[in-house]
Amino acid sequence: MKTLMPYEKRWIAKRLKIYSIKYAEIYNEVYDHMVSACEHKRQSGDNRPILSLFQEAMDQDIGSHKGIAWMTEEREALLKEHLLTALKQEFKSYFDSAKILWACAAYVAYFTAMQSLQLDLRWHLIVLAGVLALPFCYLLVVGTKNGYFRTITHKRKTSLVNTLMIRLTQPAALGFYAGFFSIPQLLTLFTSDSETGTQLTKGFVHFLGHPGMSVLITVALIYVASFVKIVNTDYRRLIAHV
């Protein structure tokens, strides 16, 4: 059985650089296919130089730059849909199953704690901001501890799975800042002479009060729990193939 020489495989890897493949998953798939396609041609008696074999396979099988762009777009859309669907299903499970008892317990515990401590209503926003930062922090810890971010730190291609998971940590936090206030306003929330802090306190936060803000915190905790579940299941399974 004829296989490519090591220098020919290195040539293929070097040649693929001109196609600017963005993600590790796409690069690995294209590289494996190109090696297999070129080896198949050699086994069929085609003894042309590796350049000719490569270019023919790239144009016919992959579709050159346009084909890689289409492949990347399709894979990104499919993977994004998969992760979003998994996250939504896990989130909804806390409202249509026995998990709702956990949500109720979290609400009661948080509401009772805030009432007992007699903290200002503005502290709810600080807690909410902290809770919404937990998904990114957890992903960072898991990814760093297990070497899942090696595609970024070792100068390899960026992983599509990592990119999408990082994006999933952002909507809730960005929505919080867009809906309530900006980061500078958060930093000045407790200053006595801050008009912004006064407006926030007398506005939305006072309207909801401790019960309403406790509901928001509980929903945020459910989102965090759902995200953690996805990290420990779908994410670990997908990143293992990169």
C-alpha atoms as a PDB file:
ATOM      1  CA  MET A   1       0.000   0.000   0.000  1.00  0.00           C
ATOM      2  CA  LYS A   2       1.492   3.321  -1.060  1.00  0.00           C
ATOM      3  CA  THR A   3       1.406   6.099   1.484  1.00  0.00           C
ATOM      4  CA  LEU A   4       2.713   9.620   1.322  1.00  0.00           C
ATOM      5  CA  MET A   5       6.235  10.291   2.461  1.00  0.00           C
ATOM      6  CA  PRO A   6       6.604  12.293   5.706  1.00  0.00           C
ATOM      7  CA  TYR A   7       7.942  15.308   3.796  1.00  0.00           C
ATOM      8  CA  GLU A   8       4.862  15.219   1.535  1.00  0.00           C
ATOM      9  CA  LYS A   9       2.547  15.322   4.551  1.00  0.00           C
ATOM     10  CA  ARG A  10       4.515  18.264   5.909  1.00  0.00           C
ATOM     11  CA  TRP A  11       4.178  19.921   2.514  1.00  0.00           C
ATOM     12  CA  ILE A  12       0.380  19.506   2.640  1.00  0.00           C
ATOM     13  CA  ALA A  13       0.281  21.056   6.112  1.00  0.00           C
ATOM     14  CA  LYS A  14       2.374  23.982   4.909  1.00  0.00           C
ATOM     15  CA  ARG A  15       0.319  24.382   1.738  1.00  0.00           C
ATOM     16  CA  LEU A  16      -2.918  24.600   3.725  1.00  0.00           C
ATOM     17  CA  LYS A  17      -1.679  27.822   5.323  1.00  0.00           C
ATOM     18  CA  ILE A  18      -2.588  29.763   2.175  1.00  0.00           C
ATOM     19  CA  TYR A  19      -6.254  28.862   2.737  1.00  0.00           C
ATOM     20  CA  SER A  20      -6.369  30.640   6.117  1.00  0.00           C
ATOM     21  CA  ILE A  21      -8.465  27.974   7.812  1.00  0.00           C
ATOM     22  CA  LYS A  22      -9.760  29.572  10.995  1.00  0.00           C
ATOM     23  CA  TYR A  23     -10.771  26.671  13.224  1.00  0.00           C
ATOM     24  CA  ALA A  24      -8.858  23.590  14.352  1.00  0.00           C
ATOM     25  CA  GLU A  25     -11.796  21.269  13.673  1.00  0.00           C
ATOM     26  CA  ILE A  26     -12.043  22.374  10.033  1.00  0.00           C
ATOM     27  CA  TYR A  27      -8.277  22.291   9.552  1.00  0.00           C
ATOM     28  CA  ASN A  28      -7.980  18.742  10.924  1.00  0.00           C
ATOM     29  CA  GLU A  29     -10.809  17.515   8.713  1.00  0.00           C
ATOM     30  CA  VAL A  30      -9.394  19.139   5.580  1.00  0.00           C
ATOM     31  CA  TYR A  31      -5.860  17.948   6.315  1.00  0.00           C
ATOM     32  CA  ASP A  32      -6.952  14.350   6.921  1.00  0.00           C
ATOM     33  CA  HIS A  33      -9.029  14.370   3.755  1.00  0.00           C
ATOM     34  CA  MET A  34      -6.205  15.788   1.642  1.00  0.00           C
ATOM     35  CA  VAL A  35      -3.736  13.192   2.903  1.00  0.00           C
ATOM     36  CA  SER A  36      -6.221  10.366   2.293  1.00  0.00           C
ATOM     37  CA  ALA A  37      -7.164  11.679  -1.161  1.00  0.00           C
ATOM     38  CA  CYS A  38      -3.537  12.022  -2.257  1.00  0.00           C
ATOM     39  CA  GLU A  39      -2.680   8.559  -0.925  1.00  0.00           C
ATOM     40  CA  HIS A  40      -5.659   7.090  -2.772  1.00  0.00           C
ATOM     41  CA  LYS A  41      -4.432   8.614  -6.024  1.00  0.00           C
ATOM     42  CA  ARG A  42      -0.961   7.164  -5.463  1.00  0.00           C
ATOM     43  CA  GLN A  43      -2.413   3.749  -4.758  1.00  0.00           C
ATOM     44  CA  SER A  44      -4.327   4.033  -8.054  1.00  0.00           C
ATOM     45  CA  GLY A  45      -1.050   4.475  -9.909  1.00  0.00           C
ATOM     46  CA  ASP A  46      -0.979   8.262 -10.107  1.00  0.00           C
ATOM     47  CA  ASN A  47       2.671   9.199  -9.631  1.00  0.00           C
ATOM     48  CA  ARG A  48       2.377  12.911 -10.288  1.00  0.00           C
ATOM     49  CA  PRO A  49       4.086  15.334  -7.895  1.00  0.00           C
ATOM     50  CA  ILE A  50       2.330  16.048  -4.606  1.00  0.00           C
ATOM     51  CA  LEU A  51       1.437  19.570  -5.807  1.00  0.00           C
ATOM     52  CA  SER A  52      -0.664  18.204  -8.660  1.00  0.00           C
ATOM     53  CA  LEU A  53      -2.346  15.602  -6.470  1.00  0.00           C
ATOM     54  CA  PHE A  54      -3.079  18.151  -3.771  1.00  0.00           C
ATOM     55  CA  GLN A  55      -4.501  20.818  -6.055  1.00  0.00           C
ATOM     56  CA  GLU A  56      -6.723  18.373  -7.910  1.00  0.00           C
ATOM     57  CA  ALA A  57      -8.147  16.977  -4.681  1.00  0.00           C
ATOM     58  CA  MET A  58      -8.547  20.452  -3.197  1.00  0.00           C
ATOM     59  CA  ASP A  59     -10.436  21.794  -6.222  1.00  0.00           C
ATOM     60  CA  GLN A  60     -12.621  18.740  -6.833  1.00  0.00           C
ATOM     61  CA  ASP A  61     -13.326  17.528  -3.291  1.00  0.00           C
ATOM     62  CA  ILE A  62     -13.135  20.614  -1.087  1.00  0.00           C
ATOM     63  CA  GLY A  63     -13.848  23.449  -3.506  1.00  0.00           C
ATOM     64  CA  SER A  64     -10.770  25.521  -2.683  1.00  0.00           C
ATOM     65  CA  HIS A  65     -11.269  28.759  -0.722  1.00  0.00           C
ATOM     66  CA  LYS A  66     -15.026  28.966  -1.318  1.00  0.00           C
ATOM     67  CA  GLY A  67     -15.512  25.371  -0.277  1.00  0.00           C
ATOM     68  CA  ILE A  68     -13.593  25.863   2.958  1.00  0.00           C
ATOM     69  CA  ALA A  69     -15.549  29.056   3.692  1.00  0.00           C
ATOM     70  CA  TRP A  70     -18.836  27.224   3.121  1.00  0.00           C
ATOM     71  CA  MET A  71     -17.680  24.282   5.250  1.00  0.00           C
ATOM     72  CA  THR A  72     -16.696  26.628   8.080  1.00  0.00           C
ATOM     73  CA  GLU A  73     -19.999  28.502   7.953  1.00  0.00           C
ATOM     74  CA  GLU A  74     -22.039  25.307   7.898  1.00  0.00           C
ATOM     75  CA  ARG A  75     -20.092  23.656  10.736  1.00  0.00           C
ATOM     76  CA  GLU A  76     -20.302  26.783  12.869  1.00  0.00           C
ATOM     77  CA  ALA A  77     -24.066  27.046  12.363  1.00  0.00           C
ATOM     78  CA  LEU A  78     -24.678  23.368  13.157  1.00  0.00           C
ATOM     79  CA  LEU A  79     -22.497  23.366  16.255  1.00  0.00           C
ATOM     80  CA  LYS A  80     -23.969  26.632  17.496  1.00  0.00           C
ATOM     81  CA  GLU A  81     -27.492  25.260  17.078  1.00  0.00           C
ATOM     82  CA  HIS A  82     -26.513  22.067  18.917  1.00  0.00           C
ATOM     83  CA  LEU A  83     -25.050  23.909  21.909  1.00  0.00           C
ATOM     84  CA  LEU A  84     -27.882  26.447  22.091  1.00  0.00           C
ATOM     85  CA  THR A  85     -30.502  23.705  21.922  1.00  0.00           C
ATOM     86  CA  ALA A  86     -28.774  21.724  24.667  1.00  0.00           C
ATOM     87  CA  LEU A  87     -28.512  24.822  26.857  1.00  0.00           C
ATOM     88  CA  LYS A  88     -32.161  25.788  26.314  1.00  0.00           C
ATOM     89  CA  GLN A  89     -33.387  22.267  27.065  1.00  0.00           C
ATOM     90  CA  GLU A  90     -31.369  22.125  30.267  1.00  0.00           C
ATOM     91  CA  PHE A  91     -32.612  25.581  31.293  1.00  0.00           C
ATOM     92  CA  LYS A  92     -36.261  24.671  30.603  1.00  0.00           C
ATOM     93  CA  SER A  93     -35.916  21.443  32.590  1.00  0.00           C
ATOM     94  CA  TYR A  94     -35.791  23.526  35.776  1.00  0.00           C
ATOM     95  CA  PHE A  95     -39.338  24.701  35.126  1.00  0.00           C
ATOM     96  CA  ASP A  96     -41.073  21.556  33.851  1.00  0.00           C
ATOM     97  CA  SER A  97     -39.620  18.843  36.075  1.00  0.00           C
ATOM     98  CA  ALA A  98     -38.780  18.090  39.687  1.00  0.00           C
ATOM     99  CA  LYS A  99     -35.835  20.471  39.338  1.00  0.00           C
ATOM    100  CA  ILE A 100     -38.266  23.301  40.003  1.00  0.00           C
ATOM    101  CA  LEU A 101     -37.964  22.351  43.672  1.00  0.00           C
ATOM    102  CA  TRP A 102     -34.268  23.243  43.474  1.00  0.00           C
ATOM    103  CA  ALA A 103     -35.176  26.596  41.947  1.00  0.00           C
ATOM    104  CA  CYS A 104     -37.719  27.291  44.680  1.00  0.00           C
ATOM    105  CA  ALA A 105     -35.217  26.330  47.356  1.00  0.00           C
ATOM    106  CA  ALA A 106     -32.615  28.648  45.817  1.00  0.00           C
ATOM    107  CA  TYR A 107     -35.126  31.496  45.770  1.00  0.00           C
ATOM    108  CA  VAL A 108     -36.159  31.007  49.382  1.00  0.00           C
ATOM    109  CA  ALA A 109     -32.553  30.681  50.561  1.00  0.00           C
ATOM    110  CA  TYR A 110     -31.425  33.821  48.746  1.00  0.00           C
ATOM    111  CA  PHE A 111     -34.454  35.894  49.706  1.00  0.00           C
ATOM    112  CA  THR A 112     -34.138  34.854  53.345  1.00  0.00           C
ATOM    113  CA  ALA A 113     -30.430  35.635  53.392  1.00  0.00           C
ATOM    114  CA  MET A 114     -30.914  39.123  51.956  1.00  0.00           C
ATOM    115  CA  GLN A 115     -33.723  39.834  54.393  1.00  0.00           C
ATOM    116  CA  SER A 116     -31.687  38.612  57.339  1.00  0.00           C
ATOM    117  CA  LEU A 117     -28.649  40.658  56.373  1.00  0.00           C
ATOM    118  CA  GLN A 118     -30.852  43.697  55.746  1.00  0.00           C
ATOM    119  CA  LEU A 119     -28.671  44.814  52.854  1.00  0.00           C
ATOM    120  CA  ASP A 120     -29.531  47.683  50.574  1.00  0.00           C
ATOM    121  CA  LEU A 121     -31.466  46.755  47.437  1.00  0.00           C
ATOM    122  CA  ARG A 122     -28.520  47.835  45.310  1.00  0.00           C
ATOM    123  CA  TRP A 123     -26.589  44.800  46.522  1.00  0.00           C
ATOM    124  CA  HIS A 124     -28.880  42.641  44.405  1.00  0.00           C
ATOM    125  CA  LEU A 125     -27.311  44.164  41.298  1.00  0.00           C
ATOM    126  CA  ILE A 126     -23.814  43.431  42.565  1.00  0.00           C
ATOM    127  CA  VAL A 127     -24.786  39.832  43.277  1.00  0.00           C
ATOM    128  CA  LEU A 128     -26.471  39.517  39.874  1.00  0.00           C
ATOM    129  CA  ALA A 129     -23.389  40.836  38.090  1.00  0.00           C
ATOM    130  CA  GLY A 130     -21.233  38.339  39.969  1.00  0.00           C
ATOM    131  CA  VAL A 131     -23.540  35.413  39.218  1.00  0.00           C
ATOM    132  CA  LEU A 132     -23.591  36.225  35.494  1.00  0.00           C
ATOM    133  CA  ALA A 133     -19.788  36.197  35.459  1.00  0.00           C
ATOM    134  CA  LEU A 134     -19.704  32.622  36.776  1.00  0.00           C
ATOM    135  CA  PRO A 135     -20.239  30.830  33.412  1.00  0.00           C
ATOM    136  CA  PHE A 136     -17.112  32.373  31.884  1.00  0.00           C
ATOM    137  CA  CYS A 137     -15.111  31.774  35.070  1.00  0.00           C
ATOM    138  CA  TYR A 138     -16.177  28.123  35.218  1.00  0.00           C
ATOM    139  CA  LEU A 139     -15.383  27.565  31.540  1.00  0.00           C
ATOM    140  CA  LEU A 140     -11.995  29.214  32.038  1.00  0.00           C
ATOM    141  CA  VAL A 141     -11.167  26.997  35.022  1.00  0.00           C
ATOM    142  CA  VAL A 142     -12.292  23.768  33.330  1.00  0.00           C
ATOM    143  CA  GLY A 143     -10.610  24.647  30.046  1.00  0.00           C
ATOM    144  CA  THR A 144      -7.318  25.656  31.657  1.00  0.00           C
ATOM    145  CA  LYS A 145      -7.200  22.763  34.121  1.00  0.00           C
ATOM    146  CA  ASN A 146      -7.830  20.125  31.455  1.00  0.00           C
ATOM    147  CA  GLY A 147      -5.823  21.702  28.654  1.00  0.00           C
ATOM    148  CA  TYR A 148      -8.899  22.410  26.535  1.00  0.00           C
ATOM    149  CA  PHE A 149      -7.547  25.837  25.597  1.00  0.00           C
ATOM    150  CA  ARG A 150      -4.350  24.359  24.135  1.00  0.00           C
ATOM    151  CA  THR A 151      -5.518  25.396  20.663  1.00  0.00           C
ATOM    152  CA  ILE A 152      -5.151  29.002  21.768  1.00  0.00           C
ATOM    153  CA  THR A 153      -2.073  28.849  23.969  1.00  0.00           C
ATOM    154  CA  HIS A 154       0.063  26.636  21.743  1.00  0.00           C
ATOM    155  CA  LYS A 155      -0.224  28.720  18.575  1.00  0.00           C
ATOM    156  CA  ARG A 156      -2.491  26.219  16.865  1.00  0.00           C
ATOM    157  CA  LYS A 157      -5.784  26.947  15.200  1.00  0.00           C
ATOM    158  CA  THR A 158      -8.514  28.323  17.413  1.00  0.00           C
ATOM    159  CA  SER A 159     -11.068  25.700  18.392  1.00  0.00           C
ATOM    160  CA  LEU A 160     -14.584  26.302  17.104  1.00  0.00           C
ATOM    161  CA  VAL A 161     -16.011  24.620  20.208  1.00  0.00           C
ATOM    162  CA  ASN A 162     -14.072  26.945  22.510  1.00  0.00           C
ATOM    163  CA  THR A 163     -15.115  29.979  20.498  1.00  0.00           C
ATOM    164  CA  LEU A 164     -18.817  29.094  20.637  1.00  0.00           C
ATOM    165  CA  MET A 165     -18.722  28.214  24.338  1.00  0.00           C
ATOM    166  CA  ILE A 166     -17.099  31.532  25.166  1.00  0.00           C
ATOM    167  CA  ARG A 167     -19.808  33.282  23.155  1.00  0.00           C
ATOM    168  CA  LEU A 168     -22.474  31.437  25.160  1.00  0.00           C
ATOM    169  CA  THR A 169     -21.136  33.015  28.340  1.00  0.00           C
ATOM    170  CA  GLN A 170     -21.713  36.527  27.011  1.00  0.00           C
ATOM    171  CA  PRO A 171     -25.426  37.109  26.185  1.00  0.00           C
ATOM    172  CA  ALA A 172     -26.717  37.080  29.758  1.00  0.00           C
ATOM    173  CA  ALA A 173     -23.986  39.365  31.071  1.00  0.00           C
ATOM    174  CA  LEU A 174     -24.236  41.729  28.088  1.00  0.00           C
ATOM    175  CA  GLY A 175     -28.004  41.826  28.435  1.00  0.00           C
ATOM    176  CA  PHE A 176     -27.621  42.689  32.106  1.00  0.00           C
ATOM    177  CA  TYR A 177     -25.342  45.637  31.421  1.00  0.00           C
ATOM    178  CA  ALA A 178     -27.419  46.810  28.468  1.00  0.00           C
ATOM    179  CA  GLY A 179     -30.654  46.537  30.417  1.00  0.00           C
ATOM    180  CA  PHE A 180     -29.544  48.061  33.703  1.00  0.00           C
ATOM    181  CA  PHE A 181     -26.422  50.155  33.397  1.00  0.00           C
ATOM    182  CA  SER A 182     -22.912  50.302  32.048  1.00  0.00           C
ATOM    183  CA  ILE A 183     -19.818  49.106  33.899  1.00  0.00           C
ATOM    184  CA  PRO A 184     -18.804  52.653  34.968  1.00  0.00           C
ATOM    185  CA  GLN A 185     -22.270  53.106  36.436  1.00  0.00           C
ATOM    186  CA  LEU A 186     -21.908  49.838  38.329  1.00  0.00           C
ATOM    187  CA  LEU A 187     -18.666  51.073  39.854  1.00  0.00           C
ATOM    188  CA  THR A 188     -20.327  54.272  41.068  1.00  0.00           C
ATOM    189  CA  LEU A 189     -23.494  52.578  42.267  1.00  0.00           C
ATOM    190  CA  PHE A 190     -22.704  53.025  45.953  1.00  0.00           C
ATOM    191  CA  THR A 191     -21.263  56.537  45.904  1.00  0.00           C
ATOM    192  CA  SER A 192     -23.509  58.905  47.776  1.00  0.00           C
ATOM    193  CA  ASP A 193     -23.189  61.700  45.246  1.00  0.00           C
ATOM    194  CA  SER A 194     -23.879  59.527  42.211  1.00  0.00           C
ATOM    195  CA  GLU A 195     -27.052  60.524  40.392  1.00  0.00           C
ATOM    196  CA  THR A 196     -26.882  57.304  38.397  1.00  0.00           C
ATOM    197  CA  GLY A 197     -26.859  55.178  41.524  1.00  0.00           C
ATOM    198  CA  THR A 198     -29.822  57.138  42.927  1.00  0.00           C
ATOM    199  CA  GLN A 199     -31.803  56.747  39.709  1.00  0.00           C
ATOM    200  CA  LEU A 200     -31.175  53.014  39.583  1.00  0.00           C
ATOM    201  CA  THR A 201     -32.118  52.548  43.212  1.00  0.00           C
ATOM    202  CA  LYS A 202     -35.334  54.535  42.918  1.00  0.00           C
ATOM    203  CA  GLY A 203     -36.153  53.034  39.549  1.00  0.00           C
ATOM    204  CA  PHE A 204     -36.109  49.434  38.495  1.00  0.00           C
ATOM    205  CA  VAL A 205     -34.580  47.969  41.644  1.00  0.00           C
ATOM    206  CA  HIS A 206     -37.059  49.635  44.006  1.00  0.00           C
ATOM    207  CA  PHE A 207     -39.899  48.682  41.694  1.00  0.00           C
ATOM    208  CA  LEU A 208     -39.031  44.983  41.957  1.00  0.00           C
ATOM    209  CA  GLY A 209     -37.963  45.088  45.573  1.00  0.00           C
ATOM    210  CA  HIS A 210     -36.385  42.131  47.347  1.00  0.00           C
ATOM    211  CA  PRO A 211     -38.902  39.567  45.967  1.00  0.00           C
ATOM    212  CA  GLY A 212     -38.501  40.607  42.332  1.00  0.00           C
ATOM    213  CA  MET A 213     -34.729  40.878  42.472  1.00  0.00           C
ATOM    214  CA  SER A 214     -34.564  37.496  44.188  1.00  0.00           C
ATOM    215  CA  VAL A 215     -36.452  36.043  41.236  1.00  0.00           C
ATOM    216  CA  LEU A 216     -33.891  37.517  38.821  1.00  0.00           C
ATOM    217  CA  ILE A 217     -31.041  36.094  40.885  1.00  0.00           C
ATOM    218  CA  THR A 218     -32.716  32.676  40.910  1.00  0.00           C
ATOM    219  CA  VAL A 219     -33.163  32.716  37.126  1.00  0.00           C
ATOM    220  CA  ALA A 220     -29.510  33.700  36.761  1.00  0.00           C
ATOM    221  CA  LEU A 221     -28.474  30.803  39.015  1.00  0.00           C
ATOM    222  CA  ILE A 222     -30.534  28.413  36.884  1.00  0.00           C
ATOM    223  CA  TYR A 223     -28.741  29.714  33.791  1.00  0.00           C
ATOM    224  CA  VAL A 224     -25.380  29.142  35.490  1.00  0.00           C
ATOM    225  CA  ALA A 225     -26.365  25.612  36.541  1.00  0.00           C
ATOM    226  CA  SER A 226     -27.508  24.843  32.994  1.00  0.00           C
ATOM    227  CA  PHE A 227     -24.282  26.182  31.521  1.00  0.00           C
ATOM    228  CA  VAL A 228     -22.199  24.134  33.965  1.00  0.00           C
ATOM    229  CA  LYS A 229     -24.106  21.014  32.891  1.00  0.00           C
ATOM    230  CA  ILE A 230     -23.361  21.731  29.206  1.00  0.00           C
ATOM    231  CA  VAL A 231     -19.682  22.289  29.980  1.00  0.00           C
ATOM    232  CA  ASN A 232     -19.451  18.945  31.784  1.00  0.00           C
ATOM    233  CA  THR A 233     -21.283  17.008  29.070  1.00  0.00           C
ATOM    234  CA  ASP A 234     -21.478  18.375  25.517  1.00  0.00           C
ATOM    235  CA  TYR A 235     -18.413  20.606  25.743  1.00  0.00           C
ATOM    236  CA  ARG A 236     -16.120  17.921  27.173  1.00  0.00           C
ATOM    237  CA  ARG A 237     -17.306  15.441  24.545  1.00  0.00           C
ATOM    238  CA  LEU A 238     -16.846  17.832  21.632  1.00  0.00           C
ATOM    239  CA  ILE A 239     -13.499  19.285  22.675  1.00  0.00           C
ATOM    240  CA  ALA A 240     -12.055  15.796  23.120  1.00  0.00           C
ATOM    241  CA  HIS A 241     -12.082  15.379  19.322  1.00  0.00           C
ATOM    242  CA  VAL A 242     -10.086  18.549  18.597  1.00  0.00           C
END
